[in-house]
Amino acid sequence: NCKEYSGQLQAKGLKFGIVVSRFNDLFTGQLLKGAMDCLLRHGGDEKNIEIVWVPGAYELPLALKKLAQAGKHNALVALGAVIQGATSHAGLINAQVARALTQISLESGIPVVDGLVSAENIDQAIERCGSKAGNRGWNAAQTAIEMASLLQQLS
């Protein structure tokens, strides 16, 4: 028989760090609410959750790297909302941040979950931050729980 591993959706006893972009806080505040709701509904404890605010999405990786280096968390979550304007600035930010988050995760061995909403307009951002398309913060927290659980099994 082969041995299979699968993460559980049980946050009890796990420690999480959430780094949130203050830019577009109308949206990122909703993402944070979704993430917290997910962690607590899956048995997480507020005492085991640290929230760090940064100015914008571009600053997420540095704060996440500091948290990863501290080694106090089972998983980290990045929350931000980047809305496309008339320039390609949003796509550039999203690509850079996504690449950095992956690098931090691989270097630290700690799951760093990308909870950035990338939207072409305000309506899309609203949909992804808690209305009809769900809440990306909730989804990111759920992934963090599962990956933290999985890595505990693989250790």
Protein backbone atom coordinates (compact mmCIF):
# COMPACT_ATOMS: atom_id res chain seq x y z
CA ASN A 1 0.00 0.00 0.00
CA CYS A 2 1.26 3.45 -0.84
CA LYS A 3 1.26 6.15 1.82
CA GLU A 4 -0.81 9.24 1.06
CA TYR A 5 -0.70 12.61 2.75
CA SER A 6 -3.43 15.21 2.79
CA GLY A 7 -3.77 18.38 4.84
CA GLN A 8 -6.67 18.66 7.27
CA LEU A 9 -8.85 21.75 7.63
CA GLN A 10 -8.24 22.03 11.37
CA ALA A 11 -6.57 25.22 12.60
CA LYS A 12 -6.53 24.28 16.29
CA GLY A 13 -3.05 24.81 17.74
CA LEU A 14 -1.66 26.32 14.53
CA LYS A 15 -0.11 29.79 14.38
CA PHE A 16 -0.76 32.16 11.51
CA GLY A 17 0.64 35.48 10.36
CA ILE A 18 -1.46 37.68 8.10
CA VAL A 19 0.08 40.65 6.31
CA VAL A 20 -2.45 43.10 4.91
CA SER A 21 -2.02 46.00 2.51
CA ARG A 22 -3.57 49.24 3.79
CA PHE A 23 -3.91 50.50 0.21
CA ASN A 24 -7.49 49.82 -0.97
CA ASP A 25 -8.42 49.06 2.65
CA LEU A 26 -12.10 49.15 1.73
CA PHE A 27 -11.33 45.82 0.05
CA THR A 28 -8.44 44.51 2.13
CA GLY A 29 -10.47 44.99 5.32
CA GLN A 30 -13.08 42.63 3.86
CA LEU A 31 -10.36 40.15 2.89
CA LEU A 32 -9.05 40.23 6.47
CA LYS A 33 -12.54 39.64 7.87
CA GLY A 34 -12.91 36.64 5.56
CA ALA A 35 -9.52 35.21 6.55
CA MET A 36 -10.19 35.63 10.27
CA ASP A 37 -13.66 34.09 9.93
CA CYS A 38 -12.16 31.06 8.18
CA LEU A 39 -9.37 30.56 10.72
CA LEU A 40 -11.72 30.86 13.71
CA ARG A 41 -14.43 28.64 12.19
CA HIS A 42 -11.82 25.94 11.64
CA GLY A 43 -10.75 25.92 15.29
CA GLY A 44 -8.10 28.63 15.23
CA ASP A 45 -7.50 30.88 18.22
CA GLU A 46 -7.13 34.67 17.98
CA LYS A 47 -4.12 34.43 20.32
CA ASN A 48 -2.35 32.41 17.61
CA ILE A 49 -2.95 34.95 14.83
CA GLU A 50 -0.73 37.97 14.19
CA ILE A 51 -1.86 40.72 11.82
CA VAL A 52 0.65 43.10 10.25
CA TRP A 53 -0.40 46.13 8.17
CA VAL A 54 1.83 47.47 5.39
CA PRO A 55 1.30 50.51 3.13
CA GLY A 56 0.65 48.64 -0.13
CA ALA A 57 0.88 45.32 -1.97
CA TYR A 58 4.49 45.96 -2.96
CA GLU A 59 5.48 45.99 0.74
CA LEU A 60 3.86 42.62 1.52
CA PRO A 61 6.90 40.42 0.71
CA LEU A 62 9.34 42.20 3.04
CA ALA A 63 7.02 41.96 6.04
CA LEU A 64 6.23 38.33 5.20
CA LYS A 65 9.94 37.53 4.92
CA LYS A 66 10.52 39.00 8.41
CA LEU A 67 7.71 36.87 9.82
CA ALA A 68 9.03 33.77 8.05
CA GLN A 69 12.54 34.39 9.43
CA ALA A 70 11.12 34.63 12.96
CA GLY A 71 9.83 31.06 12.54
CA LYS A 72 6.86 31.51 14.90
CA HIS A 73 4.10 30.64 12.42
CA ASN A 74 2.86 27.49 10.74
CA ALA A 75 1.65 29.49 7.73
CA LEU A 76 1.54 33.06 6.45
CA VAL A 77 -1.09 34.83 4.38
CA ALA A 78 -0.69 37.90 2.15
CA LEU A 79 -3.80 40.02 1.61
CA GLY A 80 -4.03 42.90 -0.85
CA ALA A 81 -6.17 44.37 -3.59
CA VAL A 82 -4.62 45.68 -6.79
CA ILE A 83 -7.04 47.26 -9.22
CA GLN A 84 -5.98 47.77 -12.82
CA GLY A 85 -5.95 51.36 -13.95
CA ALA A 86 -5.10 52.83 -17.32
CA THR A 87 -1.50 51.59 -17.04
CA SER A 88 0.07 48.13 -16.69
CA HIS A 89 1.20 48.99 -13.15
CA ALA A 90 -1.20 46.50 -11.49
CA GLY A 91 0.02 43.54 -13.54
CA LEU A 92 3.61 44.40 -12.73
CA ILE A 93 2.91 44.60 -8.99
CA ASN A 94 0.98 41.32 -8.97
CA ALA A 95 3.71 39.45 -10.84
CA GLN A 96 6.49 40.80 -8.61
CA VAL A 97 4.60 40.08 -5.39
CA ALA A 98 3.56 36.57 -6.47
CA ARG A 99 7.15 35.72 -7.41
CA ALA A 100 8.46 37.07 -4.09
CA LEU A 101 5.88 35.16 -2.03
CA THR A 102 6.81 31.90 -3.73
CA GLN A 103 10.50 32.59 -3.07
CA ILE A 104 9.89 33.33 0.63
CA SER A 105 7.90 30.13 0.99
CA LEU A 106 10.54 27.99 -0.70
CA GLU A 107 13.42 29.56 1.25
CA SER A 108 11.72 29.39 4.64
CA GLY A 109 9.80 26.14 4.31
CA ILE A 110 6.71 27.96 5.61
CA PRO A 111 3.60 28.18 3.43
CA VAL A 112 3.10 31.77 2.22
CA VAL A 113 -0.35 31.99 0.65
CA ASP A 114 -1.11 34.61 -1.98
CA GLY A 115 -4.42 36.25 -1.09
CA LEU A 116 -4.06 39.19 -3.46
CA VAL A 117 -7.12 40.22 -5.40
CA SER A 118 -6.21 41.32 -8.89
CA ALA A 119 -9.13 43.11 -10.48
CA GLU A 120 -9.67 45.03 -13.68
CA ASN A 121 -12.15 47.35 -12.00
CA ILE A 122 -13.93 48.19 -8.74
CA ASP A 123 -16.86 45.86 -9.47
CA GLN A 124 -14.54 42.87 -9.88
CA ALA A 125 -12.76 43.79 -6.64
CA ILE A 126 -16.08 43.94 -4.78
CA GLU A 127 -17.05 40.51 -6.16
CA ARG A 128 -13.79 38.90 -4.97
CA CYS A 129 -13.76 40.54 -1.54
CA GLY A 130 -16.95 39.07 -0.18
CA SER A 131 -19.84 39.36 -2.58
CA LYS A 132 -20.94 36.93 -5.31
CA ALA A 133 -17.50 35.52 -6.17
CA GLY A 134 -16.73 34.69 -2.54
CA ASN A 135 -13.96 36.11 -0.39
CA ARG A 136 -10.35 35.57 -1.47
CA GLY A 137 -9.26 36.17 2.13
CA TRP A 138 -11.31 33.17 3.27
CA ASN A 139 -9.85 31.03 0.45
CA ALA A 140 -6.29 32.05 1.29
CA ALA A 141 -6.79 31.25 4.98
CA GLN A 142 -8.27 27.86 4.10
CA THR A 143 -5.23 27.08 1.94
CA ALA A 144 -2.94 28.20 4.80
CA ILE A 145 -4.67 25.80 7.22
CA GLU A 146 -4.42 22.89 4.81
CA MET A 147 -0.78 23.53 3.94
CA ALA A 148 0.24 24.01 7.60
CA SER A 149 -1.42 20.68 8.43
CA LEU A 150 0.18 18.94 5.48
CA LEU A 151 3.69 20.17 6.32
CA GLN A 152 3.28 18.97 9.91
CA GLN A 153 2.57 15.48 8.53
CA LEU A 154 5.55 15.61 6.19
CA SER A 155 8.00 16.68 8.92
